[in-house]
Amino acid sequence: AKDGFGFDQMKSHDFTVNTARMMISLLAYNLTNWLRTLSFPTTSKGIQIRTIRTRLVKVASKLVKSGRYLHMKISSHFVYDHFFWDVLARVQRLQFN
């Protein structure tokens, strides 16, 4: 759990601040595990948080508004675009089921 979530960092001398930071880190950890369990392909369920950040969060894109719609334009050089769109489609299917 320390790998990538900041559990090993206590940046304040105040106990309350450190407790709040730990709670936010635990929330991020649980949400990431929920996302991994419910919407990742079976071959990718064991990947670590650094890989998840690289494939899903660090995406060079632009949000474009056209009429009433928003479109996300991903860079044509993005290596993990198939994985990104696959996970996004799985999340959208979970949204209304």
PDB file of N, CA and C in Angstrom:
ATOM      1  N   ALA A   1       0.821  -1.197   0.000  1.00  0.00           N
ATOM      2  CA  ALA A   1       0.000   0.000   0.000  1.00  0.00           C
ATOM      3  C   ALA A   1       0.865   1.261   0.000  1.00  0.00           C
ATOM      4  N   LYS A   2       2.117   1.170   0.446  1.00  0.00           N
ATOM      5  CA  LYS A   2       2.973   2.355   0.486  1.00  0.00           C
ATOM      6  C   LYS A   2       3.436   2.743  -0.910  1.00  0.00           C
ATOM      7  N   ASP A   3       3.437   1.799  -1.824  1.00  0.00           N
ATOM      8  CA  ASP A   3       3.994   2.027  -3.139  1.00  0.00           C
ATOM      9  C   ASP A   3       3.063   2.889  -3.997  1.00  0.00           C
ATOM     10  N   GLY A   4       3.250   4.179  -3.987  1.00  0.00           N
ATOM     11  CA  GLY A   4       2.523   5.064  -4.870  1.00  0.00           C
ATOM     12  C   GLY A   4       1.349   5.793  -4.256  1.00  0.00           C
ATOM     13  N   PHE A   5       0.954   5.485  -3.046  1.00  0.00           N
ATOM     14  CA  PHE A   5      -0.192   6.141  -2.441  1.00  0.00           C
ATOM     15  C   PHE A   5       0.185   7.119  -1.345  1.00  0.00           C
ATOM     16  N   GLY A   6       1.416   7.196  -0.966  1.00  0.00           N
ATOM     17  CA  GLY A   6       1.855   8.161   0.028  1.00  0.00           C
ATOM     18  C   GLY A   6       1.586   7.761   1.465  1.00  0.00           C
ATOM     19  N   PHE A   7       1.409   6.475   1.734  1.00  0.00           N
ATOM     20  CA  PHE A   7       1.204   6.034   3.113  1.00  0.00           C
ATOM     21  C   PHE A   7       2.461   6.209   3.958  1.00  0.00           C
ATOM     22  N   ASP A   8       3.596   6.242   3.311  1.00  0.00           N
ATOM     23  CA  ASP A   8       4.852   6.336   4.040  1.00  0.00           C
ATOM     24  C   ASP A   8       5.277   7.780   4.307  1.00  0.00           C
ATOM     25  N   GLN A   9       4.454   8.744   3.920  1.00  0.00           N
ATOM     26  CA  GLN A   9       4.823  10.146   4.077  1.00  0.00           C
ATOM     27  C   GLN A   9       3.895  10.839   5.068  1.00  0.00           C
ATOM     28  N   MET A  10       4.464  11.305   6.131  1.00  0.00           N
ATOM     29  CA  MET A  10       3.729  12.134   7.079  1.00  0.00           C
ATOM     30  C   MET A  10       4.409  13.499   7.075  1.00  0.00           C
ATOM     31  N   LYS A  11       3.810  14.456   6.405  1.00  0.00           N
ATOM     32  CA  LYS A  11       4.470  15.723   6.135  1.00  0.00           C
ATOM     33  C   LYS A  11       4.217  16.783   7.187  1.00  0.00           C
ATOM     34  N   SER A  12       3.408  16.481   8.176  1.00  0.00           N
ATOM     35  CA  SER A  12       3.077  17.492   9.171  1.00  0.00           C
ATOM     36  C   SER A  12       3.372  16.950  10.567  1.00  0.00           C
ATOM     37  N   HIS A  13       3.539  17.860  11.503  1.00  0.00           N
ATOM     38  CA  HIS A  13       3.724  17.457  12.894  1.00  0.00           C
ATOM     39  C   HIS A  13       2.384  17.367  13.617  1.00  0.00           C
ATOM     40  N   ASP A  14       1.326  17.775  12.926  1.00  0.00           N
ATOM     41  CA  ASP A  14      -0.010  17.747  13.508  1.00  0.00           C
ATOM     42  C   ASP A  14      -0.659  16.392  13.240  1.00  0.00           C
ATOM     43  N   PHE A  15      -1.149  15.752  14.277  1.00  0.00           N
ATOM     44  CA  PHE A  15      -1.758  14.437  14.166  1.00  0.00           C
ATOM     45  C   PHE A  15      -3.015  14.481  13.295  1.00  0.00           C
ATOM     46  N   THR A  16      -3.819  15.531  13.401  1.00  0.00           N
ATOM     47  CA  THR A  16      -5.062  15.640  12.647  1.00  0.00           C
ATOM     48  C   THR A  16      -4.797  15.748  11.149  1.00  0.00           C
ATOM     49  N   VAL A  17      -3.789  16.502  10.780  1.00  0.00           N
ATOM     50  CA  VAL A  17      -3.430  16.643   9.370  1.00  0.00           C
ATOM     51  C   VAL A  17      -2.951  15.308   8.810  1.00  0.00           C
ATOM     52  N   ASN A  18      -2.128  14.604   9.572  1.00  0.00           N
ATOM     53  CA  ASN A  18      -1.645  13.299   9.125  1.00  0.00           C
ATOM     54  C   ASN A  18      -2.788  12.295   9.021  1.00  0.00           C
ATOM     55  N   THR A  19      -3.753  12.373   9.932  1.00  0.00           N
ATOM     56  CA  THR A  19      -4.908  11.482   9.870  1.00  0.00           C
ATOM     57  C   THR A  19      -5.737  11.753   8.625  1.00  0.00           C
ATOM     58  N   ALA A  20      -5.952  13.016   8.307  1.00  0.00           N
ATOM     59  CA  ALA A  20      -6.718  13.368   7.110  1.00  0.00           C
ATOM     60  C   ALA A  20      -5.991  12.903   5.851  1.00  0.00           C
ATOM     61  N   ARG A  21      -4.676  13.067   5.833  1.00  0.00           N
ATOM     62  CA  ARG A  21      -3.885  12.612   4.682  1.00  0.00           C
ATOM     63  C   ARG A  21      -3.972  11.104   4.525  1.00  0.00           C
ATOM     64  N   MET A  22      -3.921  10.386   5.634  1.00  0.00           N
ATOM     65  CA  MET A  22      -4.028   8.927   5.586  1.00  0.00           C
ATOM     66  C   MET A  22      -5.403   8.494   5.087  1.00  0.00           C
ATOM     67  N   MET A  23      -6.451   9.187   5.531  1.00  0.00           N
ATOM     68  CA  MET A  23      -7.810   8.850   5.077  1.00  0.00           C
ATOM     69  C   MET A  23      -7.964   9.070   3.573  1.00  0.00           C
ATOM     70  N   ILE A  24      -7.412  10.157   3.068  1.00  0.00           N
ATOM     71  CA  ILE A  24      -7.484  10.417   1.628  1.00  0.00           C
ATOM     72  C   ILE A  24      -6.688   9.377   0.856  1.00  0.00           C
ATOM     73  N   SER A  25      -5.539   8.986   1.373  1.00  0.00           N
ATOM     74  CA  SER A  25      -4.736   7.947   0.731  1.00  0.00           C
ATOM     75  C   SER A  25      -5.472   6.616   0.724  1.00  0.00           C
ATOM     76  N   LEU A  26      -6.142   6.286   1.811  1.00  0.00           N
ATOM     77  CA  LEU A  26      -6.914   5.042   1.866  1.00  0.00           C
ATOM     78  C   LEU A  26      -8.094   5.076   0.894  1.00  0.00           C
ATOM     79  N   LEU A  27      -8.723   6.223   0.765  1.00  0.00           N
ATOM     80  CA  LEU A  27      -9.812   6.361  -0.194  1.00  0.00           C
ATOM     81  C   LEU A  27      -9.308   6.155  -1.620  1.00  0.00           C
ATOM     82  N   ALA A  28      -8.171   6.753  -1.946  1.00  0.00           N
ATOM     83  CA  ALA A  28      -7.581   6.581  -3.276  1.00  0.00           C
ATOM     84  C   ALA A  28      -7.209   5.126  -3.517  1.00  0.00           C
ATOM     85  N   TYR A  29      -6.659   4.477  -2.511  1.00  0.00           N
ATOM     86  CA  TYR A  29      -6.295   3.061  -2.621  1.00  0.00           C
ATOM     87  C   TYR A  29      -7.528   2.204  -2.883  1.00  0.00           C
ATOM     88  N   ASN A  30      -8.592   2.435  -2.130  1.00  0.00           N
ATOM     89  CA  ASN A  30      -9.812   1.644  -2.295  1.00  0.00           C
ATOM     90  C   ASN A  30     -10.489   1.904  -3.633  1.00  0.00           C
ATOM     91  N   LEU A  31     -10.516   3.156  -4.084  1.00  0.00           N
ATOM     92  CA  LEU A  31     -11.107   3.455  -5.381  1.00  0.00           C
ATOM     93  C   LEU A  31     -10.306   2.828  -6.522  1.00  0.00           C
ATOM     94  N   THR A  32      -8.998   2.833  -6.404  1.00  0.00           N
ATOM     95  CA  THR A  32      -8.163   2.210  -7.424  1.00  0.00           C
ATOM     96  C   THR A  32      -8.392   0.709  -7.470  1.00  0.00           C
ATOM     97  N   ASN A  33      -8.472   0.079  -6.307  1.00  0.00           N
ATOM     98  CA  ASN A  33      -8.742  -1.365  -6.292  1.00  0.00           C
ATOM     99  C   ASN A  33     -10.129  -1.687  -6.825  1.00  0.00           C
ATOM    100  N   TRP A  34     -11.119  -0.836  -6.535  1.00  0.00           N
ATOM    101  CA  TRP A  34     -12.456  -1.027  -7.072  1.00  0.00           C
ATOM    102  C   TRP A  34     -12.433  -0.928  -8.597  1.00  0.00           C
ATOM    103  N   LEU A  35     -11.757   0.087  -9.116  1.00  0.00           N
ATOM    104  CA  LEU A  35     -11.649   0.252 -10.564  1.00  0.00           C
ATOM    105  C   LEU A  35     -10.937  -0.941 -11.195  1.00  0.00           C
ATOM    106  N   ARG A  36      -9.871  -1.381 -10.571  1.00  0.00           N
ATOM    107  CA  ARG A  36      -9.104  -2.506 -11.098  1.00  0.00           C
ATOM    108  C   ARG A  36      -9.941  -3.792 -11.102  1.00  0.00           C
ATOM    109  N   THR A  37     -10.692  -4.026 -10.041  1.00  0.00           N
ATOM    110  CA  THR A  37     -11.480  -5.251  -9.922  1.00  0.00           C
ATOM    111  C   THR A  37     -12.649  -5.272 -10.896  1.00  0.00           C
ATOM    112  N   LEU A  38     -13.348  -4.164 -11.030  1.00  0.00           N
ATOM    113  CA  LEU A  38     -14.575  -4.150 -11.818  1.00  0.00           C
ATOM    114  C   LEU A  38     -14.387  -3.870 -13.296  1.00  0.00           C
ATOM    115  N   SER A  39     -13.354  -3.143 -13.675  1.00  0.00           N
ATOM    116  CA  SER A  39     -13.314  -2.702 -15.074  1.00  0.00           C
ATOM    117  C   SER A  39     -12.011  -2.972 -15.815  1.00  0.00           C
ATOM    118  N   PHE A  40     -11.047  -3.625 -15.187  1.00  0.00           N
ATOM    119  CA  PHE A  40      -9.836  -3.950 -15.929  1.00  0.00           C
ATOM    120  C   PHE A  40      -9.983  -5.310 -16.599  1.00  0.00           C
ATOM    121  N   PRO A  41      -9.357  -5.499 -17.762  1.00  0.00           N
ATOM    122  CA  PRO A  41      -9.334  -6.834 -18.368  1.00  0.00           C
ATOM    123  C   PRO A  41      -8.616  -7.818 -17.444  1.00  0.00           C
ATOM    124  N   THR A  42      -8.922  -9.088 -17.570  1.00  0.00           N
ATOM    125  CA  THR A  42      -8.358 -10.088 -16.658  1.00  0.00           C
ATOM    126  C   THR A  42      -6.836 -10.147 -16.740  1.00  0.00           C
ATOM    127  N   THR A  43      -6.268  -9.834 -17.877  1.00  0.00           N
ATOM    128  CA  THR A  43      -4.806  -9.876 -18.003  1.00  0.00           C
ATOM    129  C   THR A  43      -4.128  -8.704 -17.301  1.00  0.00           C
ATOM    130  N   SER A  44      -4.885  -7.645 -16.968  1.00  0.00           N
ATOM    131  CA  SER A  44      -4.289  -6.444 -16.381  1.00  0.00           C
ATOM    132  C   SER A  44      -4.713  -6.198 -14.939  1.00  0.00           C
ATOM    133  N   LYS A  45      -5.339  -7.149 -14.292  1.00  0.00           N
ATOM    134  CA  LYS A  45      -5.832  -6.918 -12.932  1.00  0.00           C
ATOM    135  C   LYS A  45      -4.719  -6.829 -11.904  1.00  0.00           C
ATOM    136  N   GLY A  46      -3.526  -7.293 -12.204  1.00  0.00           N
ATOM    137  CA  GLY A  46      -2.434  -7.288 -11.243  1.00  0.00           C
ATOM    138  C   GLY A  46      -1.449  -6.145 -11.392  1.00  0.00           C
ATOM    139  N   ILE A  47      -1.746  -5.174 -12.233  1.00  0.00           N
ATOM    140  CA  ILE A  47      -0.779  -4.102 -12.444  1.00  0.00           C
ATOM    141  C   ILE A  47      -0.761  -3.150 -11.251  1.00  0.00           C
ATOM    142  N   GLN A  48       0.364  -2.493 -11.069  1.00  0.00           N
ATOM    143  CA  GLN A  48       0.564  -1.618  -9.917  1.00  0.00           C
ATOM    144  C   GLN A  48       0.088  -0.203 -10.214  1.00  0.00           C
ATOM    145  N   ILE A  49       0.026   0.609  -9.169  1.00  0.00           N
ATOM    146  CA  ILE A  49      -0.520   1.961  -9.282  1.00  0.00           C
ATOM    147  C   ILE A  49       0.297   2.833 -10.238  1.00  0.00           C
ATOM    148  N   ARG A  50       1.584   2.663 -10.280  1.00  0.00           N
ATOM    149  CA  ARG A  50       2.401   3.471 -11.205  1.00  0.00           C
ATOM    150  C   ARG A  50       2.036   3.170 -12.651  1.00  0.00           C
ATOM    151  N   THR A  51       1.785   1.904 -12.960  1.00  0.00           N
ATOM    152  CA  THR A  51       1.380   1.530 -14.308  1.00  0.00           C
ATOM    153  C   THR A  51      -0.016   2.053 -14.616  1.00  0.00           C
ATOM    154  N   ILE A  52      -0.905   2.007 -13.632  1.00  0.00           N
ATOM    155  CA  ILE A  52      -2.257   2.533 -13.829  1.00  0.00           C
ATOM    156  C   ILE A  52      -2.201   4.027 -14.117  1.00  0.00           C
ATOM    157  N   ARG A  53      -1.362   4.753 -13.390  1.00  0.00           N
ATOM    158  CA  ARG A  53      -1.223   6.198 -13.645  1.00  0.00           C
ATOM    159  C   ARG A  53      -0.709   6.459 -15.044  1.00  0.00           C
ATOM    160  N   THR A  54       0.263   5.660 -15.489  1.00  0.00           N
ATOM    161  CA  THR A  54       0.831   5.843 -16.816  1.00  0.00           C
ATOM    162  C   THR A  54      -0.198   5.566 -17.900  1.00  0.00           C
ATOM    163  N   ARG A  55      -1.019   4.539 -17.709  1.00  0.00           N
ATOM    164  CA  ARG A  55      -1.959   4.132 -18.747  1.00  0.00           C
ATOM    165  C   ARG A  55      -3.288   4.876 -18.720  1.00  0.00           C
ATOM    166  N   LEU A  56      -3.707   5.383 -17.556  1.00  0.00           N
ATOM    167  CA  LEU A  56      -5.031   5.996 -17.472  1.00  0.00           C
ATOM    168  C   LEU A  56      -5.030   7.468 -17.096  1.00  0.00           C
ATOM    169  N   VAL A  57      -4.074   7.926 -16.329  1.00  0.00           N
ATOM    170  CA  VAL A  57      -4.108   9.300 -15.838  1.00  0.00           C
ATOM    171  C   VAL A  57      -3.192  10.217 -16.638  1.00  0.00           C
ATOM    172  N   LYS A  58      -2.008   9.757 -16.942  1.00  0.00           N
ATOM    173  CA  LYS A  58      -1.052  10.587 -17.675  1.00  0.00           C
ATOM    174  C   LYS A  58      -1.298  10.461 -19.181  1.00  0.00           C
ATOM    175  N   VAL A  59      -2.428  10.991 -19.604  1.00  0.00           N
ATOM    176  CA  VAL A  59      -2.841  10.887 -20.996  1.00  0.00           C
ATOM    177  C   VAL A  59      -2.827  12.276 -21.606  1.00  0.00           C
ATOM    178  N   ALA A  60      -2.067  12.439 -22.663  1.00  0.00           N
ATOM    179  CA  ALA A  60      -2.042  13.721 -23.365  1.00  0.00           C
ATOM    180  C   ALA A  60      -3.301  13.817 -24.213  1.00  0.00           C
ATOM    181  N   SER A  61      -4.196  14.715 -23.825  1.00  0.00           N
ATOM    182  CA  SER A  61      -5.458  14.842 -24.551  1.00  0.00           C
ATOM    183  C   SER A  61      -5.948  16.279 -24.497  1.00  0.00           C
ATOM    184  N   LYS A  62      -6.973  16.517 -25.270  1.00  0.00           N
ATOM    185  CA  LYS A  62      -7.594  17.836 -25.314  1.00  0.00           C
ATOM    186  C   LYS A  62      -9.108  17.634 -25.266  1.00  0.00           C
ATOM    187  N   LEU A  63      -9.790  18.415 -24.442  1.00  0.00           N
ATOM    188  CA  LEU A  63     -11.237  18.369 -24.357  1.00  0.00           C
ATOM    189  C   LEU A  63     -11.796  19.444 -25.281  1.00  0.00           C
ATOM    190  N   VAL A  64     -12.574  19.018 -26.273  1.00  0.00           N
ATOM    191  CA  VAL A  64     -13.082  19.917 -27.296  1.00  0.00           C
ATOM    192  C   VAL A  64     -14.606  19.943 -27.205  1.00  0.00           C
ATOM    193  N   LYS A  65     -15.182  21.155 -27.188  1.00  0.00           N
ATOM    194  CA  LYS A  65     -16.634  21.301 -27.169  1.00  0.00           C
ATOM    195  C   LYS A  65     -17.101  21.620 -28.576  1.00  0.00           C
ATOM    196  N   SER A  66     -18.017  20.799 -29.053  1.00  0.00           N
ATOM    197  CA  SER A  66     -18.567  20.987 -30.384  1.00  0.00           C
ATOM    198  C   SER A  66     -20.086  20.920 -30.269  1.00  0.00           C
ATOM    199  N   GLY A  67     -20.734  22.043 -30.416  1.00  0.00           N
ATOM    200  CA  GLY A  67     -22.185  22.070 -30.235  1.00  0.00           C
ATOM    201  C   GLY A  67     -22.536  21.800 -28.784  1.00  0.00           C
ATOM    202  N   ARG A  68     -23.315  20.774 -28.556  1.00  0.00           N
ATOM    203  CA  ARG A  68     -23.681  20.395 -27.192  1.00  0.00           C
ATOM    204  C   ARG A  68     -22.804  19.297 -26.619  1.00  0.00           C
ATOM    205  N   TYR A  69     -21.885  18.793 -27.382  1.00  0.00           N
ATOM    206  CA  TYR A  69     -21.126  17.622 -26.988  1.00  0.00           C
ATOM    207  C   TYR A  69     -19.686  17.969 -26.622  1.00  0.00           C
ATOM    208  N   LEU A  70     -19.145  17.188 -25.709  1.00  0.00           N
ATOM    209  CA  LEU A  70     -17.731  17.274 -25.369  1.00  0.00           C
ATOM    210  C   LEU A  70     -17.030  16.050 -25.943  1.00  0.00           C
ATOM    211  N   HIS A  71     -15.924  16.275 -26.595  1.00  0.00           N
ATOM    212  CA  HIS A  71     -15.135  15.191 -27.178  1.00  0.00           C
ATOM    213  C   HIS A  71     -13.741  15.237 -26.580  1.00  0.00           C
ATOM    214  N   MET A  72     -13.201  14.080 -26.268  1.00  0.00           N
ATOM    215  CA  MET A  72     -11.830  14.010 -25.776  1.00  0.00           C
ATOM    216  C   MET A  72     -10.958  13.510 -26.915  1.00  0.00           C
ATOM    217  N   LYS A  73     -10.040  14.334 -27.318  1.00  0.00           N
ATOM    218  CA  LYS A  73      -9.127  13.982 -28.397  1.00  0.00           C
ATOM    219  C   LYS A  73      -7.795  13.568 -27.785  1.00  0.00           C
ATOM    220  N   ILE A  74      -7.474  12.305 -27.914  1.00  0.00           N
ATOM    221  CA  ILE A  74      -6.229  11.764 -27.375  1.00  0.00           C
ATOM    222  C   ILE A  74      -5.144  11.869 -28.430  1.00  0.00           C
ATOM    223  N   SER A  75      -3.939  12.090 -27.974  1.00  0.00           N
ATOM    224  CA  SER A  75      -2.797  12.182 -28.875  1.00  0.00           C
ATOM    225  C   SER A  75      -2.670  10.907 -29.708  1.00  0.00           C
ATOM    226  N   SER A  76      -2.326  11.062 -30.966  1.00  0.00           N
ATOM    227  CA  SER A  76      -2.187   9.895 -31.844  1.00  0.00           C
ATOM    228  C   SER A  76      -0.956   9.057 -31.486  1.00  0.00           C
ATOM    229  N   HIS A  77      -0.073   9.581 -30.663  1.00  0.00           N
ATOM    230  CA  HIS A  77       1.130   8.855 -30.268  1.00  0.00           C
ATOM    231  C   HIS A  77       0.970   8.143 -28.923  1.00  0.00           C
ATOM    232  N   PHE A  78      -0.219   8.153 -28.351  1.00  0.00           N
ATOM    233  CA  PHE A  78      -0.448   7.512 -27.060  1.00  0.00           C
ATOM    234  C   PHE A  78      -0.412   5.998 -27.236  1.00  0.00           C
ATOM    235  N   VAL A  79       0.477   5.342 -26.519  1.00  0.00           N
ATOM    236  CA  VAL A  79       0.734   3.921 -26.707  1.00  0.00           C
ATOM    237  C   VAL A  79      -0.395   3.048 -26.158  1.00  0.00           C
ATOM    238  N   TYR A  80      -1.008   3.477 -25.061  1.00  0.00           N
ATOM    239  CA  TYR A  80      -1.994   2.636 -24.379  1.00  0.00           C
ATOM    240  C   TYR A  80      -3.425   3.039 -24.697  1.00  0.00           C
ATOM    241  N   ASP A  81      -3.698   3.527 -25.897  1.00  0.00           N
ATOM    242  CA  ASP A  81      -5.041   4.006 -26.203  1.00  0.00           C
ATOM    243  C   ASP A  81      -6.075   2.896 -26.201  1.00  0.00           C
ATOM    244  N   HIS A  82      -5.719   1.683 -26.626  1.00  0.00           N
ATOM    245  CA  HIS A  82      -6.677   0.577 -26.613  1.00  0.00           C
ATOM    246  C   HIS A  82      -7.058   0.214 -25.179  1.00  0.00           C
ATOM    247  N   PHE A  83      -6.084   0.167 -24.303  1.00  0.00           N
ATOM    248  CA  PHE A  83      -6.355  -0.124 -22.895  1.00  0.00           C
ATOM    249  C   PHE A  83      -7.226   0.968 -22.283  1.00  0.00           C
ATOM    250  N   PHE A  84      -6.921   2.228 -22.554  1.00  0.00           N
ATOM    251  CA  PHE A  84      -7.681   3.360 -22.024  1.00  0.00           C
ATOM    252  C   PHE A  84      -9.145   3.286 -22.445  1.00  0.00           C
ATOM    253  N   TRP A  85      -9.398   3.090 -23.745  1.00  0.00           N
ATOM    254  CA  TRP A  85     -10.771   3.064 -24.233  1.00  0.00           C
ATOM    255  C   TRP A  85     -11.512   1.814 -23.765  1.00  0.00           C
ATOM    256  N   ASP A  86     -10.799   0.698 -23.609  1.00  0.00           N
ATOM    257  CA  ASP A  86     -11.420  -0.528 -23.102  1.00  0.00           C
ATOM    258  C   ASP A  86     -11.891  -0.341 -21.660  1.00  0.00           C
ATOM    259  N   VAL A  87     -11.051   0.228 -20.819  1.00  0.00           N
ATOM    260  CA  VAL A  87     -11.427   0.473 -19.422  1.00  0.00           C
ATOM    261  C   VAL A  87     -12.560   1.498 -19.357  1.00  0.00           C
ATOM    262  N   LEU A  88     -12.498   2.542 -20.156  1.00  0.00           N
ATOM    263  CA  LEU A  88     -13.558   3.550 -20.163  1.00  0.00           C
ATOM    264  C   LEU A  88     -14.893   2.942 -20.582  1.00  0.00           C
ATOM    265  N   ALA A  89     -14.889   2.070 -21.585  1.00  0.00           N
ATOM    266  CA  ALA A  89     -16.127   1.411 -22.016  1.00  0.00           C
ATOM    267  C   ALA A  89     -16.687   0.513 -20.917  1.00  0.00           C
ATOM    268  N   ARG A  90     -15.807  -0.188 -20.193  1.00  0.00           N
ATOM    269  CA  ARG A  90     -16.267  -1.041 -19.101  1.00  0.00           C
ATOM    270  C   ARG A  90     -16.857  -0.214 -17.962  1.00  0.00           C
ATOM    271  N   VAL A  91     -16.270   0.937 -17.670  1.00  0.00           N
ATOM    272  CA  VAL A  91     -16.802   1.814 -16.619  1.00  0.00           C
ATOM    273  C   VAL A  91     -18.180   2.344 -17.031  1.00  0.00           C
ATOM    274  N   GLN A  92     -18.343   2.714 -18.285  1.00  0.00           N
ATOM    275  CA  GLN A  92     -19.629   3.217 -18.759  1.00  0.00           C
ATOM    276  C   GLN A  92     -20.703   2.146 -18.689  1.00  0.00           C
ATOM    277  N   ARG A  93     -20.351   0.882 -18.958  1.00  0.00           N
ATOM    278  CA  ARG A  93     -21.330  -0.205 -18.855  1.00  0.00           C
ATOM    279  C   ARG A  93     -21.728  -0.423 -17.401  1.00  0.00           C
ATOM    280  N   LEU A  94     -20.812  -0.228 -16.457  1.00  0.00           N
ATOM    281  CA  LEU A  94     -21.123  -0.397 -15.043  1.00  0.00           C
ATOM    282  C   LEU A  94     -21.997   0.724 -14.516  1.00  0.00           C
ATOM    283  N   GLN A  95     -21.931   1.866 -15.140  1.00  0.00           N
ATOM    284  CA  GLN A  95     -22.606   3.056 -14.639  1.00  0.00           C
ATOM    285  C   GLN A  95     -24.118   2.868 -14.554  1.00  0.00           C
ATOM    286  N   PHE A  96     -24.725   2.217 -15.518  1.00  0.00           N
ATOM    287  CA  PHE A  96     -26.173   2.119 -15.536  1.00  0.00           C
ATOM    288  C   PHE A  96     -26.695   0.729 -15.229  1.00  0.00           C
ATOM    289  N   ASN A  97     -25.826  -0.205 -14.898  1.00  0.00           N
ATOM    290  CA  ASN A  97     -26.279  -1.567 -14.571  1.00  0.00           C
ATOM    291  C   ASN A  97     -26.512  -1.729 -13.105  1.00  0.00           C
TER     292      ASN A  97
END
